[in-house]
Amino acid sequence: MKYKDDKTNNTVNGFHVGVRQGSPLRDALDPTNDGYDHIRGIVRNGTVLQDRADNTVNSISEE
């Protein structure tokens, strides 16, 4: 299972990556590379654990 990147919460493939200071150095051969491809390549097995935080994406309803 792979997750979409969420720039507002600073997550890449479900991992919190923090706030990057400055701008990344660009590679002339791969200008679109942001340095997080190794994190995007991770594939998770199993189910997502639910979180009760108010701003969570995978919240459980209280029904």
C-alpha atoms as a PDB file:
ATOM      1  CA  MET A   1       0.000   0.000   0.000  1.00  0.00           C
ATOM      2  CA  LYS A   2       1.357   3.401  -0.926  1.00  0.00           C
ATOM      3  CA  TYR A   3       0.209   6.788   0.314  1.00  0.00           C
ATOM      4  CA  LYS A   4      -0.047  10.060  -1.546  1.00  0.00           C
ATOM      5  CA  ASP A   5       2.297  12.874  -0.603  1.00  0.00           C
ATOM      6  CA  ASP A   6       0.725  15.463   1.697  1.00  0.00           C
ATOM      7  CA  LYS A   7       2.653  18.729   1.559  1.00  0.00           C
ATOM      8  CA  THR A   8       0.466  20.452   4.172  1.00  0.00           C
ATOM      9  CA  ASN A   9       1.346  17.804   6.812  1.00  0.00           C
ATOM     10  CA  ASN A  10       4.907  17.268   5.484  1.00  0.00           C
ATOM     11  CA  THR A  11       4.447  13.574   4.783  1.00  0.00           C
ATOM     12  CA  VAL A  12       5.831  11.446   1.960  1.00  0.00           C
ATOM     13  CA  ASN A  13       4.251   8.008   1.482  1.00  0.00           C
ATOM     14  CA  GLY A  14       2.850   8.169   5.012  1.00  0.00           C
ATOM     15  CA  PHE A  15       6.194   9.075   6.652  1.00  0.00           C
ATOM     16  CA  HIS A  16       6.638  12.425   8.382  1.00  0.00           C
ATOM     17  CA  VAL A  17       9.655  14.096   6.771  1.00  0.00           C
ATOM     18  CA  GLY A  18       9.626  17.420   8.592  1.00  0.00           C
ATOM     19  CA  VAL A  19      10.121  20.878   7.148  1.00  0.00           C
ATOM     20  CA  ARG A  20      13.033  21.215   4.760  1.00  0.00           C
ATOM     21  CA  GLN A  21      15.030  24.400   5.169  1.00  0.00           C
ATOM     22  CA  GLY A  22      16.127  26.089   1.954  1.00  0.00           C
ATOM     23  CA  SER A  23      15.769  24.379  -1.389  1.00  0.00           C
ATOM     24  CA  PRO A  24      17.262  21.062  -2.498  1.00  0.00           C
ATOM     25  CA  LEU A  25      20.210  21.023  -4.854  1.00  0.00           C
ATOM     26  CA  ARG A  26      19.067  20.115  -8.354  1.00  0.00           C
ATOM     27  CA  ASP A  27      20.589  17.358 -10.422  1.00  0.00           C
ATOM     28  CA  ALA A  28      21.104  18.233 -14.095  1.00  0.00           C
ATOM     29  CA  LEU A  29      20.290  14.652 -15.157  1.00  0.00           C
ATOM     30  CA  ASP A  30      17.153  14.390 -12.985  1.00  0.00           C
ATOM     31  CA  PRO A  31      15.717  17.858 -12.257  1.00  0.00           C
ATOM     32  CA  THR A  32      12.427  16.547 -10.811  1.00  0.00           C
ATOM     33  CA  ASN A  33      14.112  14.477  -8.080  1.00  0.00           C
ATOM     34  CA  ASP A  34      13.387  15.913  -4.624  1.00  0.00           C
ATOM     35  CA  GLY A  35      15.390  13.339  -2.642  1.00  0.00           C
ATOM     36  CA  TYR A  36      12.422  11.372  -1.284  1.00  0.00           C
ATOM     37  CA  ASP A  37      12.280   8.608  -3.897  1.00  0.00           C
ATOM     38  CA  HIS A  38      13.715   6.062  -1.458  1.00  0.00           C
ATOM     39  CA  ILE A  39      10.743   6.735   0.856  1.00  0.00           C
ATOM     40  CA  ARG A  40       8.214   6.598  -1.986  1.00  0.00           C
ATOM     41  CA  GLY A  41       9.546   3.175  -2.994  1.00  0.00           C
ATOM     42  CA  ILE A  42       8.458   1.580   0.295  1.00  0.00           C
ATOM     43  CA  VAL A  43       5.472  -0.748   0.004  1.00  0.00           C
ATOM     44  CA  ARG A  44       3.525  -1.513   3.194  1.00  0.00           C
ATOM     45  CA  ASN A  45       1.711  -4.757   3.907  1.00  0.00           C
ATOM     46  CA  GLY A  46      -1.286  -5.083   6.217  1.00  0.00           C
ATOM     47  CA  THR A  47      -3.892  -2.611   7.350  1.00  0.00           C
ATOM     48  CA  VAL A  48      -3.640   1.007   8.403  1.00  0.00           C
ATOM     49  CA  LEU A  49      -3.898   1.653  12.140  1.00  0.00           C
ATOM     50  CA  GLN A  50      -6.569   4.207  12.827  1.00  0.00           C
ATOM     51  CA  ASP A  51      -5.837   7.443  14.657  1.00  0.00           C
ATOM     52  CA  ARG A  52      -8.323   9.437  16.714  1.00  0.00           C
ATOM     53  CA  ALA A  53      -6.719  12.817  16.036  1.00  0.00           C
ATOM     54  CA  ASP A  54      -9.129  15.416  14.630  1.00  0.00           C
ATOM     55  CA  ASN A  55      -7.057  16.089  11.518  1.00  0.00           C
ATOM     56  CA  THR A  56      -6.413  12.459  10.584  1.00  0.00           C
ATOM     57  CA  VAL A  57      -7.105  11.133   7.100  1.00  0.00           C
ATOM     58  CA  ASN A  58      -8.149   7.628   8.193  1.00  0.00           C
ATOM     59  CA  SER A  59     -10.410   8.500  11.098  1.00  0.00           C
ATOM     60  CA  ILE A  60     -12.948   6.123  12.681  1.00  0.00           C
ATOM     61  CA  SER A  61     -16.504   7.360  12.983  1.00  0.00           C
ATOM     62  CA  GLU A  62     -18.031   7.445  16.440  1.00  0.00           C
ATOM     63  CA  GLU A  63     -21.277   5.722  15.385  1.00  0.00           C
END
